[in-house]
Amino acid sequence: MENPAASATGTFDVILEGGPESLPTELRRQRVDDLTETVKICYYGGYEHFRRADAESPVDGPVLFHWIRRTRIAE
């Protein structure tokens, strides 16, 4: 059965929830190659890290990732 959340290139649509309120809506929708990795978004001199909300549930639409932490960019 074909996965509706996966594109023809084998990537997955994800939605990023939590983190800074000022994180733009267009950055909250991403396309990733691997659902087991954290998603890292460069934002205001740091990185916002997101992890898959429910790794056990089947993928049948965009996958939800929750914010877990912020790190600063090393200089």
PDB file of N, CA and C in Angstrom:
ATOM      1  N   MET A   1       0.849  -1.187   0.000  1.00  0.00           N
ATOM      2  CA  MET A   1       0.000   0.000   0.000  1.00  0.00           C
ATOM      3  C   MET A   1       0.889   1.243   0.000  1.00  0.00           C
ATOM      4  N   GLU A   2       0.537   2.216  -0.762  1.00  0.00           N
ATOM      5  CA  GLU A   2       1.324   3.443  -0.891  1.00  0.00           C
ATOM      6  C   GLU A   2       1.107   4.345   0.313  1.00  0.00           C
ATOM      7  N   ASN A   3       2.156   5.019   0.737  1.00  0.00           N
ATOM      8  CA  ASN A   3       2.123   5.903   1.888  1.00  0.00           C
ATOM      9  C   ASN A   3       1.781   7.322   1.431  1.00  0.00           C
ATOM     10  N   PRO A   4       0.622   7.877   1.824  1.00  0.00           N
ATOM     11  CA  PRO A   4       0.239   9.207   1.360  1.00  0.00           C
ATOM     12  C   PRO A   4       1.109  10.338   1.916  1.00  0.00           C
ATOM     13  N   ALA A   5       1.839  10.104   3.012  1.00  0.00           N
ATOM     14  CA  ALA A   5       2.701  11.146   3.572  1.00  0.00           C
ATOM     15  C   ALA A   5       4.056  11.193   2.886  1.00  0.00           C
ATOM     16  N   ALA A   6       4.386  10.142   2.150  1.00  0.00           N
ATOM     17  CA  ALA A   6       5.674  10.090   1.463  1.00  0.00           C
ATOM     18  C   ALA A   6       5.505  10.597   0.043  1.00  0.00           C
ATOM     19  N   SER A   7       6.467  11.359  -0.420  1.00  0.00           N
ATOM     20  CA  SER A   7       6.411  11.864  -1.785  1.00  0.00           C
ATOM     21  C   SER A   7       7.000  10.823  -2.727  1.00  0.00           C
ATOM     22  N   ALA A   8       6.962  11.105  -4.000  1.00  0.00           N
ATOM     23  CA  ALA A   8       7.527  10.205  -5.003  1.00  0.00           C
ATOM     24  C   ALA A   8       9.033  10.056  -4.828  1.00  0.00           C
ATOM     25  N   THR A   9       9.681  10.999  -4.157  1.00  0.00           N
ATOM     26  CA  THR A   9      11.128  10.933  -3.958  1.00  0.00           C
ATOM     27  C   THR A   9      11.509  10.196  -2.682  1.00  0.00           C
ATOM     28  N   GLY A  10      10.533   9.682  -1.938  1.00  0.00           N
ATOM     29  CA  GLY A  10      10.825   8.947  -0.724  1.00  0.00           C
ATOM     30  C   GLY A  10      10.973   9.818   0.506  1.00  0.00           C
ATOM     31  N   THR A  11      10.573  11.064   0.424  1.00  0.00           N
ATOM     32  CA  THR A  11      10.625  11.950   1.578  1.00  0.00           C
ATOM     33  C   THR A  11       9.263  11.995   2.261  1.00  0.00           C
ATOM     34  N   PHE A  12       9.243  12.507   3.488  1.00  0.00           N
ATOM     35  CA  PHE A  12       8.023  12.558   4.277  1.00  0.00           C
ATOM     36  C   PHE A  12       7.697  14.000   4.638  1.00  0.00           C
ATOM     37  N   ASP A  13       6.427  14.333   4.614  1.00  0.00           N
ATOM     38  CA  ASP A  13       5.970  15.649   5.057  1.00  0.00           C
ATOM     39  C   ASP A  13       5.850  15.618   6.574  1.00  0.00           C
ATOM     40  N   VAL A  14       6.386  16.642   7.238  1.00  0.00           N
ATOM     41  CA  VAL A  14       6.294  16.727   8.690  1.00  0.00           C
ATOM     42  C   VAL A  14       5.810  18.112   9.093  1.00  0.00           C
ATOM     43  N   ILE A  15       5.181  18.177  10.259  1.00  0.00           N
ATOM     44  CA  ILE A  15       4.725  19.421  10.860  1.00  0.00           C
ATOM     45  C   ILE A  15       5.463  19.571  12.181  1.00  0.00           C
ATOM     46  N   LEU A  16       6.051  20.747  12.398  1.00  0.00           N
ATOM     47  CA  LEU A  16       6.828  21.023  13.602  1.00  0.00           C
ATOM     48  C   LEU A  16       5.966  21.804  14.587  1.00  0.00           C
ATOM     49  N   GLU A  17       5.857  21.289  15.802  1.00  0.00           N
ATOM     50  CA  GLU A  17       5.006  21.904  16.815  1.00  0.00           C
ATOM     51  C   GLU A  17       5.837  22.287  18.031  1.00  0.00           C
ATOM     52  N   GLY A  18       5.519  23.430  18.614  1.00  0.00           N
ATOM     53  CA  GLY A  18       6.221  23.891  19.801  1.00  0.00           C
ATOM     54  C   GLY A  18       7.391  24.789  19.429  1.00  0.00           C
ATOM     55  N   GLY A  19       8.257  25.036  20.410  1.00  0.00           N
ATOM     56  CA  GLY A  19       9.395  25.913  20.171  1.00  0.00           C
ATOM     57  C   GLY A  19       8.981  27.366  20.217  1.00  0.00           C
ATOM     58  N   PRO A  20       9.812  28.241  19.655  1.00  0.00           N
ATOM     59  CA  PRO A  20       9.515  29.675  19.726  1.00  0.00           C
ATOM     60  C   PRO A  20       8.216  30.029  19.002  1.00  0.00           C
ATOM     61  N   GLU A  21       7.423  30.866  19.645  1.00  0.00           N
ATOM     62  CA  GLU A  21       6.173  31.306  19.014  1.00  0.00           C
ATOM     63  C   GLU A  21       6.437  32.081  17.739  1.00  0.00           C
ATOM     64  N   SER A  22       7.607  32.706  17.643  1.00  0.00           N
ATOM     65  CA  SER A  22       7.929  33.524  16.476  1.00  0.00           C
ATOM     66  C   SER A  22       8.434  32.714  15.279  1.00  0.00           C
ATOM     67  N   LEU A  23       8.584  31.404  15.439  1.00  0.00           N
ATOM     68  CA  LEU A  23       9.020  30.554  14.325  1.00  0.00           C
ATOM     69  C   LEU A  23       7.957  30.622  13.229  1.00  0.00           C
ATOM     70  N   PRO A  24       8.326  31.085  12.036  1.00  0.00           N
ATOM     71  CA  PRO A  24       7.336  31.292  10.964  1.00  0.00           C
ATOM     72  C   PRO A  24       6.608  30.007  10.550  1.00  0.00           C
ATOM     73  N   THR A  25       5.382  30.172  10.165  1.00  0.00           N
ATOM     74  CA  THR A  25       4.545  29.053   9.720  1.00  0.00           C
ATOM     75  C   THR A  25       5.204  28.275   8.591  1.00  0.00           C
ATOM     76  N   GLU A  26       5.853  28.972   7.658  1.00  0.00           N
ATOM     77  CA  GLU A  26       6.465  28.276   6.517  1.00  0.00           C
ATOM     78  C   GLU A  26       7.631  27.384   6.945  1.00  0.00           C
ATOM     79  N   LEU A  27       8.242  27.651   8.092  1.00  0.00           N
ATOM     80  CA  LEU A  27       9.302  26.767   8.595  1.00  0.00           C
ATOM     81  C   LEU A  27       8.745  25.573   9.355  1.00  0.00           C
ATOM     82  N   ARG A  28       7.486  25.642   9.727  1.00  0.00           N
ATOM     83  CA  ARG A  28       6.869  24.558  10.501  1.00  0.00           C
ATOM     84  C   ARG A  28       6.405  23.392   9.634  1.00  0.00           C
ATOM     85  N   ARG A  29       6.485  23.526   8.350  1.00  0.00           N
ATOM     86  CA  ARG A  29       6.187  22.420   7.432  1.00  0.00           C
ATOM     87  C   ARG A  29       7.478  22.095   6.697  1.00  0.00           C
ATOM     88  N   GLN A  30       7.946  20.893   6.863  1.00  0.00           N
ATOM     89  CA  GLN A  30       9.216  20.466   6.290  1.00  0.00           C
ATOM     90  C   GLN A  30       9.021  19.143   5.558  1.00  0.00           C
ATOM     91  N   ARG A  31      10.013  18.795   4.792  1.00  0.00           N
ATOM     92  CA  ARG A  31      10.055  17.501   4.120  1.00  0.00           C
ATOM     93  C   ARG A  31      11.376  16.849   4.529  1.00  0.00           C
ATOM     94  N   VAL A  32      11.315  15.624   5.060  1.00  0.00           N
ATOM     95  CA  VAL A  32      12.503  14.939   5.560  1.00  0.00           C
ATOM     96  C   VAL A  32      12.651  13.580   4.894  1.00  0.00           C
ATOM     97  N   ASP A  33      13.889  13.065   4.906  1.00  0.00           N
ATOM     98  CA  ASP A  33      14.175  11.754   4.327  1.00  0.00           C
ATOM     99  C   ASP A  33      13.995  10.619   5.323  1.00  0.00           C
ATOM    100  N   ASP A  34      14.154  10.911   6.606  1.00  0.00           N
ATOM    101  CA  ASP A  34      14.181   9.866   7.626  1.00  0.00           C
ATOM    102  C   ASP A  34      13.346  10.304   8.829  1.00  0.00           C
ATOM    103  N   LEU A  35      12.383   9.507   9.216  1.00  0.00           N
ATOM    104  CA  LEU A  35      11.513   9.859  10.332  1.00  0.00           C
ATOM    105  C   LEU A  35      12.125   9.524  11.689  1.00  0.00           C
ATOM    106  N   THR A  36      13.264   8.852  11.724  1.00  0.00           N
ATOM    107  CA  THR A  36      13.880   8.501  13.000  1.00  0.00           C
ATOM    108  C   THR A  36      14.840   9.573  13.484  1.00  0.00           C
ATOM    109  N   GLU A  37      15.228  10.480  12.631  1.00  0.00           N
ATOM    110  CA  GLU A  37      16.157  11.541  12.998  1.00  0.00           C
ATOM    111  C   GLU A  37      15.398  12.723  13.589  1.00  0.00           C
ATOM    112  N   THR A  38      16.128  13.582  14.305  1.00  0.00           N
ATOM    113  CA  THR A  38      15.520  14.838  14.734  1.00  0.00           C
ATOM    114  C   THR A  38      15.600  15.823  13.574  1.00  0.00           C
ATOM    115  N   VAL A  39      14.664  16.741  13.535  1.00  0.00           N
ATOM    116  CA  VAL A  39      14.666  17.798  12.532  1.00  0.00           C
ATOM    117  C   VAL A  39      15.302  19.013  13.194  1.00  0.00           C
ATOM    118  N   LYS A  40      16.268  19.632  12.523  1.00  0.00           N
ATOM    119  CA  LYS A  40      17.000  20.771  13.065  1.00  0.00           C
ATOM    120  C   LYS A  40      16.792  21.963  12.132  1.00  0.00           C
ATOM    121  N   ILE A  41      16.235  23.046  12.674  1.00  0.00           N
ATOM    122  CA  ILE A  41      15.942  24.253  11.916  1.00  0.00           C
ATOM    123  C   ILE A  41      16.842  25.378  12.404  1.00  0.00           C
ATOM    124  N   CYS A  42      17.568  26.007  11.488  1.00  0.00           N
ATOM    125  CA  CYS A  42      18.401  27.158  11.829  1.00  0.00           C
ATOM    126  C   CYS A  42      17.482  28.367  11.998  1.00  0.00           C
ATOM    127  N   TYR A  43      17.553  29.015  13.189  1.00  0.00           N
ATOM    128  CA  TYR A  43      16.650  30.122  13.470  1.00  0.00           C
ATOM    129  C   TYR A  43      17.277  31.062  14.498  1.00  0.00           C
ATOM    130  N   TYR A  44      17.425  32.318  14.167  1.00  0.00           N
ATOM    131  CA  TYR A  44      17.924  33.370  15.051  1.00  0.00           C
ATOM    132  C   TYR A  44      19.187  32.975  15.816  1.00  0.00           C
ATOM    133  N   GLY A  45      20.227  32.597  15.110  1.00  0.00           N
ATOM    134  CA  GLY A  45      21.519  32.328  15.725  1.00  0.00           C
ATOM    135  C   GLY A  45      21.617  31.022  16.473  1.00  0.00           C
ATOM    136  N   GLY A  46      20.682  30.135  16.223  1.00  0.00           N
ATOM    137  CA  GLY A  46      20.701  28.836  16.891  1.00  0.00           C
ATOM    138  C   GLY A  46      19.953  27.808  16.066  1.00  0.00           C
ATOM    139  N   TYR A  47      19.791  26.645  16.648  1.00  0.00           N
ATOM    140  CA  TYR A  47      19.037  25.573  16.000  1.00  0.00           C
ATOM    141  C   TYR A  47      17.902  25.146  16.911  1.00  0.00           C
ATOM    142  N   GLU A  48      16.730  25.008  16.328  1.00  0.00           N
ATOM    143  CA  GLU A  48      15.573  24.456  17.029  1.00  0.00           C
ATOM    144  C   GLU A  48      15.501  22.984  16.646  1.00  0.00           C
ATOM    145  N   HIS A  49      15.424  22.118  17.650  1.00  0.00           N
ATOM    146  CA  HIS A  49      15.421  20.671  17.419  1.00  0.00           C
ATOM    147  C   HIS A  49      14.029  20.109  17.698  1.00  0.00           C
ATOM    148  N   PHE A  50      13.574  19.235  16.809  1.00  0.00           N
ATOM    149  CA  PHE A  50      12.253  18.616  16.922  1.00  0.00           C
ATOM    150  C   PHE A  50      12.399  17.103  16.772  1.00  0.00           C
ATOM    151  N   ARG A  51      11.603  16.345  17.522  1.00  0.00           N
ATOM    152  CA  ARG A  51      11.620  14.883  17.449  1.00  0.00           C
ATOM    153  C   ARG A  51      10.202  14.379  17.177  1.00  0.00           C
ATOM    154  N   ARG A  52      10.127  13.275  16.481  1.00  0.00           N
ATOM    155  CA  ARG A  52       8.830  12.671  16.130  1.00  0.00           C
ATOM    156  C   ARG A  52       7.997  12.436  17.385  1.00  0.00           C
ATOM    157  N   ALA A  53       6.755  12.853  17.335  1.00  0.00           N
ATOM    158  CA  ALA A  53       5.861  12.773  18.490  1.00  0.00           C
ATOM    159  C   ALA A  53       5.497  11.339  18.849  1.00  0.00           C
ATOM    160  N   ASP A  54       5.163  10.526  17.876  1.00  0.00           N
ATOM    161  CA  ASP A  54       4.740   9.160  18.153  1.00  0.00           C
ATOM    162  C   ASP A  54       5.370   8.225  17.133  1.00  0.00           C
ATOM    163  N   ALA A  55       6.508   7.675  17.469  1.00  0.00           N
ATOM    164  CA  ALA A  55       7.255   6.820  16.547  1.00  0.00           C
ATOM    165  C   ALA A  55       6.561   5.495  16.291  1.00  0.00           C
ATOM    166  N   GLU A  56       5.595   5.127  17.114  1.00  0.00           N
ATOM    167  CA  GLU A  56       4.913   3.838  16.972  1.00  0.00           C
ATOM    168  C   GLU A  56       3.721   3.890  16.028  1.00  0.00           C
ATOM    169  N   SER A  57       3.165   5.075  15.815  1.00  0.00           N
ATOM    170  CA  SER A  57       1.960   5.149  14.994  1.00  0.00           C
ATOM    171  C   SER A  57       2.307   5.050  13.509  1.00  0.00           C
ATOM    172  N   PRO A  58       1.404   4.464  12.720  1.00  0.00           N
ATOM    173  CA  PRO A  58       1.642   4.361  11.279  1.00  0.00           C
ATOM    174  C   PRO A  58       1.616   5.742  10.628  1.00  0.00           C
ATOM    175  N   VAL A  59       2.301   5.853   9.525  1.00  0.00           N
ATOM    176  CA  VAL A  59       2.361   7.129   8.801  1.00  0.00           C
ATOM    177  C   VAL A  59       1.263   7.131   7.753  1.00  0.00           C
ATOM    178  N   ASP A  60       0.246   7.976   7.953  1.00  0.00           N
ATOM    179  CA  ASP A  60      -0.849   8.047   6.988  1.00  0.00           C
ATOM    180  C   ASP A  60      -1.182   9.490   6.617  1.00  0.00           C
ATOM    181  N   GLY A  61      -0.291  10.387   6.937  1.00  0.00           N
ATOM    182  CA  GLY A  61      -0.446  11.799   6.622  1.00  0.00           C
ATOM    183  C   GLY A  61       0.799  12.515   7.099  1.00  0.00           C
ATOM    184  N   PRO A  62       0.771  13.840   7.173  1.00  0.00           N
ATOM    185  CA  PRO A  62       1.945  14.547   7.693  1.00  0.00           C
ATOM    186  C   PRO A  62       2.268  14.057   9.105  1.00  0.00           C
ATOM    187  N   VAL A  63       3.543  13.908   9.398  1.00  0.00           N
ATOM    188  CA  VAL A  63       4.000  13.374  10.677  1.00  0.00           C
ATOM    189  C   VAL A  63       4.302  14.541  11.617  1.00  0.00           C
ATOM    190  N   LEU A  64       3.818  14.436  12.849  1.00  0.00           N
ATOM    191  CA  LEU A  64       3.989  15.487  13.832  1.00  0.00           C
ATOM    192  C   LEU A  64       5.313  15.323  14.572  1.00  0.00           C
ATOM    193  N   PHE A  65       6.083  16.407  14.647  1.00  0.00           N
ATOM    194  CA  PHE A  65       7.325  16.457  15.413  1.00  0.00           C
ATOM    195  C   PHE A  65       7.167  17.540  16.480  1.00  0.00           C
ATOM    196  N   HIS A  66       7.606  17.243  17.711  1.00  0.00           N
ATOM    197  CA  HIS A  66       7.534  18.198  18.819  1.00  0.00           C
ATOM    198  C   HIS A  66       8.908  18.787  19.095  1.00  0.00           C
ATOM    199  N   TRP A  67       8.928  20.052  19.497  1.00  0.00           N
ATOM    200  CA  TRP A  67      10.150  20.743  19.857  1.00  0.00           C
ATOM    201  C   TRP A  67      10.749  20.094  21.098  1.00  0.00           C
ATOM    202  N   ILE A  68      12.082  19.873  21.085  1.00  0.00           N
ATOM    203  CA  ILE A  68      12.733  19.284  22.255  1.00  0.00           C
ATOM    204  C   ILE A  68      13.801  20.186  22.870  1.00  0.00           C
ATOM    205  N   ARG A  69      14.445  21.028  22.061  1.00  0.00           N
ATOM    206  CA  ARG A  69      15.467  21.906  22.627  1.00  0.00           C
ATOM    207  C   ARG A  69      15.973  22.901  21.585  1.00  0.00           C
ATOM    208  N   ARG A  70      16.734  23.860  22.087  1.00  0.00           N
ATOM    209  CA  ARG A  70      17.412  24.843  21.242  1.00  0.00           C
ATOM    210  C   ARG A  70      18.904  24.754  21.546  1.00  0.00           C
ATOM    211  N   THR A  71      19.724  24.814  20.524  1.00  0.00           N
ATOM    212  CA  THR A  71      21.174  24.891  20.700  1.00  0.00           C
ATOM    213  C   THR A  71      21.677  26.131  19.975  1.00  0.00           C
ATOM    214  N   ARG A  72      22.802  26.655  20.441  1.00  0.00           N
ATOM    215  CA  ARG A  72      23.399  27.828  19.814  1.00  0.00           C
ATOM    216  C   ARG A  72      24.394  27.402  18.757  1.00  0.00           C
ATOM    217  N   ILE A  73      24.562  28.224  17.752  1.00  0.00           N
ATOM    218  CA  ILE A  73      25.550  27.958  16.703  1.00  0.00           C
ATOM    219  C   ILE A  73      26.934  28.276  17.275  1.00  0.00           C
ATOM    220  N   ALA A  74      27.839  27.324  17.148  1.00  0.00           N
ATOM    221  CA  ALA A  74      29.208  27.527  17.627  1.00  0.00           C
ATOM    222  C   ALA A  74      29.917  28.537  16.749  1.00  0.00           C
ATOM    223  N   GLU A  75      30.714  29.373  17.355  1.00  0.00           N
ATOM    224  CA  GLU A  75      31.430  30.396  16.584  1.00  0.00           C
ATOM    225  C   GLU A  75      32.856  30.015  16.371  1.00  0.00           C
TER     226      GLU A  75
END
